[in-house]
Amino acid sequence: EEMQLPALKGKGKPIDVQVPKSMTLKVVEAAPGAAGNTAQGRTEKPAVLETGAEIMVPMFIKEGEEIKVDTDDRKYLGRAT
C-alpha cells in the first residue's frame, strides 16, 4: 500500500523523509504459541510483517492480525484497534 510521507527539501530535492512514530502493519508469518511457553519464561516469538521486517511479538499474536509497531525501535506496541 502506498503511503505519502512529508519530505524536507533542499534546493528542490528531497533530503529527508519523516516517518511516523508508529505504524499499523499486518503479521504475515508467526509461529503458533506453544502451550506452556509462558511458564518457562518465554513470552515473545518472532513474527514477519507485511514489509518483510521481523520483530518480536507476544505469544498470543497470530498470522493475519494487525499490530502497532514503533518505527524507531522496531518494537511491538499493541494490537491495532
PDB file of N, CA and C in Angstrom:
ATOM      1  N   GLU A   1       0.846  -1.168   0.000  1.00  0.00           N
ATOM      2  CA  GLU A   1       0.000   0.000   0.000  1.00  0.00           C
ATOM      3  C   GLU A   1       0.886   1.224   0.000  1.00  0.00           C
ATOM      4  N   GLU A   2       0.535   2.188  -0.797  1.00  0.00           N
ATOM      5  CA  GLU A   2       1.323   3.415  -0.849  1.00  0.00           C
ATOM      6  C   GLU A   2       1.012   4.310   0.340  1.00  0.00           C
ATOM      7  N   MET A   3       2.042   5.019   0.788  1.00  0.00           N
ATOM      8  CA  MET A   3       1.883   5.939   1.899  1.00  0.00           C
ATOM      9  C   MET A   3       2.609   7.222   1.543  1.00  0.00           C
ATOM     10  N   GLN A   4       1.963   8.334   1.734  1.00  0.00           N
ATOM     11  CA  GLN A   4       2.615   9.603   1.480  1.00  0.00           C
ATOM     12  C   GLN A   4       3.242  10.095   2.779  1.00  0.00           C
ATOM     13  N   LEU A   5       4.517  10.473   2.684  1.00  0.00           N
ATOM     14  CA  LEU A   5       5.255  10.947   3.842  1.00  0.00           C
ATOM     15  C   LEU A   5       5.757  12.356   3.578  1.00  0.00           C
ATOM     16  N   PRO A   6       5.772  13.206   4.606  1.00  0.00           N
ATOM     17  CA  PRO A   6       6.318  14.550   4.412  1.00  0.00           C
ATOM     18  C   PRO A   6       7.829  14.479   4.166  1.00  0.00           C
ATOM     19  N   ALA A   7       8.294  15.280   3.208  1.00  0.00           N
ATOM     20  CA  ALA A   7       9.718  15.292   2.882  1.00  0.00           C
ATOM     21  C   ALA A   7      10.269  16.704   3.046  1.00  0.00           C
ATOM     22  N   LEU A   8      11.459  16.784   3.606  1.00  0.00           N
ATOM     23  CA  LEU A   8      12.177  18.050   3.728  1.00  0.00           C
ATOM     24  C   LEU A   8      12.996  18.210   2.453  1.00  0.00           C
ATOM     25  N   LYS A   9      12.890  19.383   1.826  1.00  0.00           N
ATOM     26  CA  LYS A   9      13.586  19.594   0.555  1.00  0.00           C
ATOM     27  C   LYS A   9      14.657  20.658   0.700  1.00  0.00           C
ATOM     28  N   GLY A  10      15.710  20.472  -0.054  1.00  0.00           N
ATOM     29  CA  GLY A  10      16.792  21.443  -0.135  1.00  0.00           C
ATOM     30  C   GLY A  10      17.136  21.630  -1.597  1.00  0.00           C
ATOM     31  N   LYS A  11      17.069  22.850  -2.075  1.00  0.00           N
ATOM     32  CA  LYS A  11      17.313  23.160  -3.484  1.00  0.00           C
ATOM     33  C   LYS A  11      16.392  22.348  -4.397  1.00  0.00           C
ATOM     34  N   GLY A  12      15.136  22.169  -3.935  1.00  0.00           N
ATOM     35  CA  GLY A  12      14.138  21.492  -4.745  1.00  0.00           C
ATOM     36  C   GLY A  12      14.212  19.980  -4.742  1.00  0.00           C
ATOM     37  N   LYS A  13      15.172  19.407  -4.020  1.00  0.00           N
ATOM     38  CA  LYS A  13      15.310  17.948  -3.968  1.00  0.00           C
ATOM     39  C   LYS A  13      15.056  17.447  -2.554  1.00  0.00           C
ATOM     40  N   PRO A  14      14.400  16.279  -2.425  1.00  0.00           N
ATOM     41  CA  PRO A  14      14.167  15.740  -1.077  1.00  0.00           C
ATOM     42  C   PRO A  14      15.485  15.344  -0.400  1.00  0.00           C
ATOM     43  N   ILE A  15      15.644  15.792   0.850  1.00  0.00           N
ATOM     44  CA  ILE A  15      16.863  15.449   1.590  1.00  0.00           C
ATOM     45  C   ILE A  15      16.569  14.660   2.873  1.00  0.00           C
ATOM     46  N   ASP A  16      15.302  14.616   3.265  1.00  0.00           N
ATOM     47  CA  ASP A  16      14.926  13.870   4.461  1.00  0.00           C
ATOM     48  C   ASP A  16      13.444  13.523   4.382  1.00  0.00           C
ATOM     49  N   VAL A  17      13.091  12.342   4.900  1.00  0.00           N
ATOM     50  CA  VAL A  17      11.698  11.908   4.949  1.00  0.00           C
ATOM     51  C   VAL A  17      11.332  11.670   6.400  1.00  0.00           C
ATOM     52  N   GLN A  18      10.168  12.155   6.798  1.00  0.00           N
ATOM     53  CA  GLN A  18       9.715  11.978   8.171  1.00  0.00           C
ATOM     54  C   GLN A  18       8.761  10.794   8.246  1.00  0.00           C
ATOM     55  N   VAL A  19       9.212   9.733   8.895  1.00  0.00           N
ATOM     56  CA  VAL A  19       8.409   8.526   9.071  1.00  0.00           C
ATOM     57  C   VAL A  19       7.607   8.677  10.362  1.00  0.00           C
ATOM     58  N   PRO A  20       6.337   8.258  10.366  1.00  0.00           N
ATOM     59  CA  PRO A  20       5.550   8.365  11.598  1.00  0.00           C
ATOM     60  C   PRO A  20       6.162   7.551  12.740  1.00  0.00           C
ATOM     61  N   LYS A  21       5.906   7.970  13.973  1.00  0.00           N
ATOM     62  CA  LYS A  21       6.454   7.298  15.158  1.00  0.00           C
ATOM     63  C   LYS A  21       5.968   5.860  15.267  1.00  0.00           C
ATOM     64  N   SER A  22       4.736   5.595  14.826  1.00  0.00           N
ATOM     65  CA  SER A  22       4.227   4.228  14.853  1.00  0.00           C
ATOM     66  C   SER A  22       3.408   3.966  13.590  1.00  0.00           C
ATOM     67  N   MET A  23       3.329   2.687  13.227  1.00  0.00           N
ATOM     68  CA  MET A  23       2.552   2.286  12.053  1.00  0.00           C
ATOM     69  C   MET A  23       1.759   1.030  12.384  1.00  0.00           C
ATOM     70  N   THR A  24       0.640   0.860  11.710  1.00  0.00           N
ATOM     71  CA  THR A  24      -0.152  -0.354  11.825  1.00  0.00           C
ATOM     72  C   THR A  24       0.237  -1.262  10.667  1.00  0.00           C
ATOM     73  N   LEU A  25       0.691  -2.473  10.994  1.00  0.00           N
ATOM     74  CA  LEU A  25       1.149  -3.421   9.984  1.00  0.00           C
ATOM     75  C   LEU A  25       0.541  -4.790  10.233  1.00  0.00           C
ATOM     76  N   LYS A  26       0.412  -5.561   9.159  1.00  0.00           N
ATOM     77  CA  LYS A  26      -0.172  -6.900   9.233  1.00  0.00           C
ATOM     78  C   LYS A  26       0.922  -7.943   9.448  1.00  0.00           C
ATOM     79  N   VAL A  27       0.648  -8.900  10.326  1.00  0.00           N
ATOM     80  CA  VAL A  27       1.562 -10.025  10.565  1.00  0.00           C
ATOM     81  C   VAL A  27       1.294 -11.055   9.469  1.00  0.00           C
ATOM     82  N   VAL A  28       2.322 -11.371   8.672  1.00  0.00           N
ATOM     83  CA  VAL A  28       2.142 -12.334   7.582  1.00  0.00           C
ATOM     84  C   VAL A  28       2.701 -13.706   7.917  1.00  0.00           C
ATOM     85  N   GLU A  29       3.536 -13.768   8.948  1.00  0.00           N
ATOM     86  CA  GLU A  29       4.099 -15.054   9.357  1.00  0.00           C
ATOM     87  C   GLU A  29       4.404 -15.024  10.848  1.00  0.00           C
ATOM     88  N   ALA A  30       3.861 -16.004  11.566  1.00  0.00           N
ATOM     89  CA  ALA A  30       4.114 -16.108  13.007  1.00  0.00           C
ATOM     90  C   ALA A  30       3.883 -17.554  13.422  1.00  0.00           C
ATOM     91  N   ALA A  31       4.854 -18.115  14.089  1.00  0.00           N
ATOM     92  CA  ALA A  31       4.711 -19.485  14.583  1.00  0.00           C
ATOM     93  C   ALA A  31       3.631 -19.507  15.656  1.00  0.00           C
ATOM     94  N   PRO A  32       2.882 -20.591  15.746  1.00  0.00           N
ATOM     95  CA  PRO A  32       1.878 -20.655  16.817  1.00  0.00           C
ATOM     96  C   PRO A  32       2.548 -20.693  18.183  1.00  0.00           C
ATOM     97  N   GLY A  33       1.938 -20.054  19.161  1.00  0.00           N
ATOM     98  CA  GLY A  33       2.458 -20.098  20.528  1.00  0.00           C
ATOM     99  C   GLY A  33       2.187 -21.467  21.125  1.00  0.00           C
ATOM    100  N   ALA A  34       3.198 -22.091  21.666  1.00  0.00           N
ATOM    101  CA  ALA A  34       3.037 -23.429  22.251  1.00  0.00           C
ATOM    102  C   ALA A  34       2.581 -23.318  23.699  1.00  0.00           C
ATOM    103  N   ALA A  35       1.702 -24.187  24.086  1.00  0.00           N
ATOM    104  CA  ALA A  35       1.219 -24.202  25.467  1.00  0.00           C
ATOM    105  C   ALA A  35       2.383 -24.450  26.413  1.00  0.00           C
ATOM    106  N   GLY A  36       2.443 -23.691  27.484  1.00  0.00           N
ATOM    107  CA  GLY A  36       3.492 -23.877  28.475  1.00  0.00           C
ATOM    108  C   GLY A  36       4.702 -22.985  28.271  1.00  0.00           C
ATOM    109  N   ASN A  37       4.809 -22.309  27.137  1.00  0.00           N
ATOM    110  CA  ASN A  37       5.972 -21.455  26.905  1.00  0.00           C
ATOM    111  C   ASN A  37       6.065 -20.319  27.906  1.00  0.00           C
ATOM    112  N   THR A  38       4.924 -19.766  28.306  1.00  0.00           N
ATOM    113  CA  THR A  38       4.978 -18.655  29.253  1.00  0.00           C
ATOM    114  C   THR A  38       5.420 -19.135  30.632  1.00  0.00           C
ATOM    115  N   ALA A  39       5.110 -20.378  30.974  1.00  0.00           N
ATOM    116  CA  ALA A  39       5.542 -20.928  32.260  1.00  0.00           C
ATOM    117  C   ALA A  39       7.057 -21.087  32.301  1.00  0.00           C
ATOM    118  N   GLN A  40       7.667 -21.255  31.132  1.00  0.00           N
ATOM    119  CA  GLN A  40       9.125 -21.408  31.053  1.00  0.00           C
ATOM    120  C   GLN A  40       9.819 -20.065  30.885  1.00  0.00           C
ATOM    121  N   GLY A  41       9.061 -18.972  30.976  1.00  0.00           N
ATOM    122  CA  GLY A  41       9.643 -17.640  30.895  1.00  0.00           C
ATOM    123  C   GLY A  41       9.679 -17.073  29.492  1.00  0.00           C
ATOM    124  N   ARG A  42       9.252 -17.822  28.501  1.00  0.00           N
ATOM    125  CA  ARG A  42       9.268 -17.320  27.131  1.00  0.00           C
ATOM    126  C   ARG A  42       7.940 -16.623  26.872  1.00  0.00           C
ATOM    127  N   THR A  43       7.981 -15.329  26.623  1.00  0.00           N
ATOM    128  CA  THR A  43       6.750 -14.586  26.422  1.00  0.00           C
ATOM    129  C   THR A  43       6.651 -13.966  25.039  1.00  0.00           C
ATOM    130  N   GLU A  44       7.698 -14.073  24.207  1.00  0.00           N
ATOM    131  CA  GLU A  44       7.681 -13.497  22.875  1.00  0.00           C
ATOM    132  C   GLU A  44       8.137 -14.509  21.839  1.00  0.00           C
ATOM    133  N   LYS A  45       7.754 -14.233  20.586  1.00  0.00           N
ATOM    134  CA  LYS A  45       8.155 -15.079  19.463  1.00  0.00           C
ATOM    135  C   LYS A  45       8.406 -14.167  18.266  1.00  0.00           C
ATOM    136  N   PRO A  46       9.190 -14.608  17.282  1.00  0.00           N
ATOM    137  CA  PRO A  46       9.420 -13.778  16.098  1.00  0.00           C
ATOM    138  C   PRO A  46       8.198 -13.793  15.175  1.00  0.00           C
ATOM    139  N   ALA A  47       7.978 -12.672  14.515  1.00  0.00           N
ATOM    140  CA  ALA A  47       6.904 -12.558  13.534  1.00  0.00           C
ATOM    141  C   ALA A  47       7.414 -11.722  12.362  1.00  0.00           C
ATOM    142  N   VAL A  48       6.959 -12.060  11.155  1.00  0.00           N
ATOM    143  CA  VAL A  48       7.321 -11.305   9.959  1.00  0.00           C
ATOM    144  C   VAL A  48       6.133 -10.427   9.586  1.00  0.00           C
ATOM    145  N   LEU A  49       6.418  -9.154   9.313  1.00  0.00           N
ATOM    146  CA  LEU A  49       5.379  -8.202   8.959  1.00  0.00           C
ATOM    147  C   LEU A  49       5.256  -8.070   7.446  1.00  0.00           C
ATOM    148  N   GLU A  50       4.187  -7.420   6.989  1.00  0.00           N
ATOM    149  CA  GLU A  50       3.944  -7.263   5.558  1.00  0.00           C
ATOM    150  C   GLU A  50       5.060  -6.526   4.834  1.00  0.00           C
ATOM    151  N   THR A  51       5.885  -5.791   5.558  1.00  0.00           N
ATOM    152  CA  THR A  51       7.012  -5.078   4.962  1.00  0.00           C
ATOM    153  C   THR A  51       8.240  -5.973   4.808  1.00  0.00           C
ATOM    154  N   GLY A  52       8.184  -7.159   5.427  1.00  0.00           N
ATOM    155  CA  GLY A  52       9.330  -8.065   5.419  1.00  0.00           C
ATOM    156  C   GLY A  52      10.161  -7.973   6.688  1.00  0.00           C
ATOM    157  N   ALA A  53       9.877  -6.972   7.520  1.00  0.00           N
ATOM    158  CA  ALA A  53      10.607  -6.804   8.776  1.00  0.00           C
ATOM    159  C   ALA A  53      10.225  -7.910   9.752  1.00  0.00           C
ATOM    160  N   GLU A  54      11.197  -8.348  10.548  1.00  0.00           N
ATOM    161  CA  GLU A  54      10.933  -9.347  11.586  1.00  0.00           C
ATOM    162  C   GLU A  54      11.086  -8.679  12.941  1.00  0.00           C
ATOM    163  N   ILE A  55      10.054  -8.839  13.776  1.00  0.00           N
ATOM    164  CA  ILE A  55      10.095  -8.283  15.127  1.00  0.00           C
ATOM    165  C   ILE A  55       9.609  -9.344  16.110  1.00  0.00           C
ATOM    166  N   MET A  56       9.849  -9.098  17.382  1.00  0.00           N
ATOM    167  CA  MET A  56       9.366  -9.986  18.435  1.00  0.00           C
ATOM    168  C   MET A  56       7.987  -9.499  18.876  1.00  0.00           C
ATOM    169  N   VAL A  57       7.063 -10.459  18.993  1.00  0.00           N
ATOM    170  CA  VAL A  57       5.687 -10.147  19.399  1.00  0.00           C
ATOM    171  C   VAL A  57       5.283 -11.087  20.530  1.00  0.00           C
ATOM    172  N   PRO A  58       4.235 -10.741  21.284  1.00  0.00           N
ATOM    173  CA  PRO A  58       3.753 -11.655  22.333  1.00  0.00           C
ATOM    174  C   PRO A  58       3.271 -12.970  21.731  1.00  0.00           C
ATOM    175  N   MET A  59       3.269 -14.014  22.542  1.00  0.00           N
ATOM    176  CA  MET A  59       2.904 -15.359  22.100  1.00  0.00           C
ATOM    177  C   MET A  59       1.483 -15.438  21.549  1.00  0.00           C
ATOM    178  N   PHE A  60       0.571 -14.549  21.964  1.00  0.00           N
ATOM    179  CA  PHE A  60      -0.828 -14.636  21.546  1.00  0.00           C
ATOM    180  C   PHE A  60      -1.105 -14.036  20.161  1.00  0.00           C
ATOM    181  N   ILE A  61      -0.130 -13.366  19.549  1.00  0.00           N
ATOM    182  CA  ILE A  61      -0.326 -12.764  18.227  1.00  0.00           C
ATOM    183  C   ILE A  61      -0.307 -13.854  17.156  1.00  0.00           C
ATOM    184  N   LYS A  62      -1.264 -13.771  16.224  1.00  0.00           N
ATOM    185  CA  LYS A  62      -1.400 -14.781  15.173  1.00  0.00           C
ATOM    186  C   LYS A  62      -1.240 -14.157  13.797  1.00  0.00           C
ATOM    187  N   GLU A  63      -0.967 -14.998  12.794  1.00  0.00           N
ATOM    188  CA  GLU A  63      -0.903 -14.533  11.413  1.00  0.00           C
ATOM    189  C   GLU A  63      -2.203 -13.851  11.041  1.00  0.00           C
ATOM    190  N   GLY A  64      -2.100 -12.777  10.270  1.00  0.00           N
ATOM    191  CA  GLY A  64      -3.280 -12.057   9.814  1.00  0.00           C
ATOM    192  C   GLY A  64      -3.693 -10.910  10.708  1.00  0.00           C
ATOM    193  N   GLU A  65      -3.187 -10.870  11.937  1.00  0.00           N
ATOM    194  CA  GLU A  65      -3.537  -9.773  12.845  1.00  0.00           C
ATOM    195  C   GLU A  65      -2.793  -8.505  12.455  1.00  0.00           C
ATOM    196  N   GLU A  66      -3.405  -7.373  12.751  1.00  0.00           N
ATOM    197  CA  GLU A  66      -2.753  -6.084  12.554  1.00  0.00           C
ATOM    198  C   GLU A  66      -2.270  -5.586  13.909  1.00  0.00           C
ATOM    199  N   ILE A  67      -1.020  -5.126  13.917  1.00  0.00           N
ATOM    200  CA  ILE A  67      -0.410  -4.659  15.157  1.00  0.00           C
ATOM    201  C   ILE A  67       0.194  -3.276  14.952  1.00  0.00           C
ATOM    202  N   LYS A  68       0.396  -2.560  16.049  1.00  0.00           N
ATOM    203  CA  LYS A  68       1.089  -1.271  16.005  1.00  0.00           C
ATOM    204  C   LYS A  68       2.558  -1.517  16.321  1.00  0.00           C
ATOM    205  N   VAL A  69       3.424  -0.879  15.519  1.00  0.00           N
ATOM    206  CA  VAL A  69       4.867  -1.060  15.654  1.00  0.00           C
ATOM    207  C   VAL A  69       5.537   0.300  15.797  1.00  0.00           C
ATOM    208  N   ASP A  70       6.460   0.413  16.739  1.00  0.00           N
ATOM    209  CA  ASP A  70       7.271   1.616  16.907  1.00  0.00           C
ATOM    210  C   ASP A  70       8.295   1.626  15.782  1.00  0.00           C
ATOM    211  N   THR A  71       8.270   2.642  14.926  1.00  0.00           N
ATOM    212  CA  THR A  71       9.158   2.668  13.758  1.00  0.00           C
ATOM    213  C   THR A  71      10.602   3.003  14.121  1.00  0.00           C
ATOM    214  N   ASP A  72      10.826   3.647  15.256  1.00  0.00           N
ATOM    215  CA  ASP A  72      12.207   3.947  15.674  1.00  0.00           C
ATOM    216  C   ASP A  72      12.891   2.711  16.241  1.00  0.00           C
ATOM    217  N   ASP A  73      12.202   2.028  17.148  1.00  0.00           N
ATOM    218  CA  ASP A  73      12.796   0.888  17.852  1.00  0.00           C
ATOM    219  C   ASP A  73      12.448  -0.459  17.228  1.00  0.00           C
ATOM    220  N   ARG A  74      11.532  -0.463  16.247  1.00  0.00           N
ATOM    221  CA  ARG A  74      11.064  -1.705  15.609  1.00  0.00           C
ATOM    222  C   ARG A  74      10.549  -2.684  16.665  1.00  0.00           C
ATOM    223  N   LYS A  75       9.679  -2.161  17.543  1.00  0.00           N
ATOM    224  CA  LYS A  75       9.123  -2.967  18.626  1.00  0.00           C
ATOM    225  C   LYS A  75       7.605  -2.971  18.574  1.00  0.00           C
ATOM    226  N   TYR A  76       7.049  -4.058  19.058  1.00  0.00           N
ATOM    227  CA  TYR A  76       5.594  -4.242  19.172  1.00  0.00           C
ATOM    228  C   TYR A  76       5.041  -3.260  20.193  1.00  0.00           C
ATOM    229  N   LEU A  77       3.974  -2.538  19.829  1.00  0.00           N
ATOM    230  CA  LEU A  77       3.333  -1.609  20.751  1.00  0.00           C
ATOM    231  C   LEU A  77       1.969  -2.109  21.230  1.00  0.00           C
ATOM    232  N   GLY A  78       1.309  -2.932  20.417  1.00  0.00           N
ATOM    233  CA  GLY A  78      -0.001  -3.421  20.792  1.00  0.00           C
ATOM    234  C   GLY A  78      -0.795  -3.827  19.551  1.00  0.00           C
ATOM    235  N   ARG A  79      -1.960  -4.384  19.798  1.00  0.00           N
ATOM    236  CA  ARG A  79      -2.853  -4.731  18.692  1.00  0.00           C
ATOM    237  C   ARG A  79      -3.457  -3.458  18.124  1.00  0.00           C
ATOM    238  N   ALA A  80      -3.673  -3.453  16.819  1.00  0.00           N
ATOM    239  CA  ALA A  80      -4.324  -2.316  16.180  1.00  0.00           C
ATOM    240  C   ALA A  80      -5.797  -2.325  16.541  1.00  0.00           C
ATOM    241  N   THR A  81      -6.381  -1.156  16.692  1.00  0.00           N
ATOM    242  CA  THR A  81      -7.805  -1.086  17.037  1.00  0.00           C
ATOM    243  C   THR A  81      -8.626  -0.657  15.854  1.00  0.00           C
TER     244      THR A  81
END
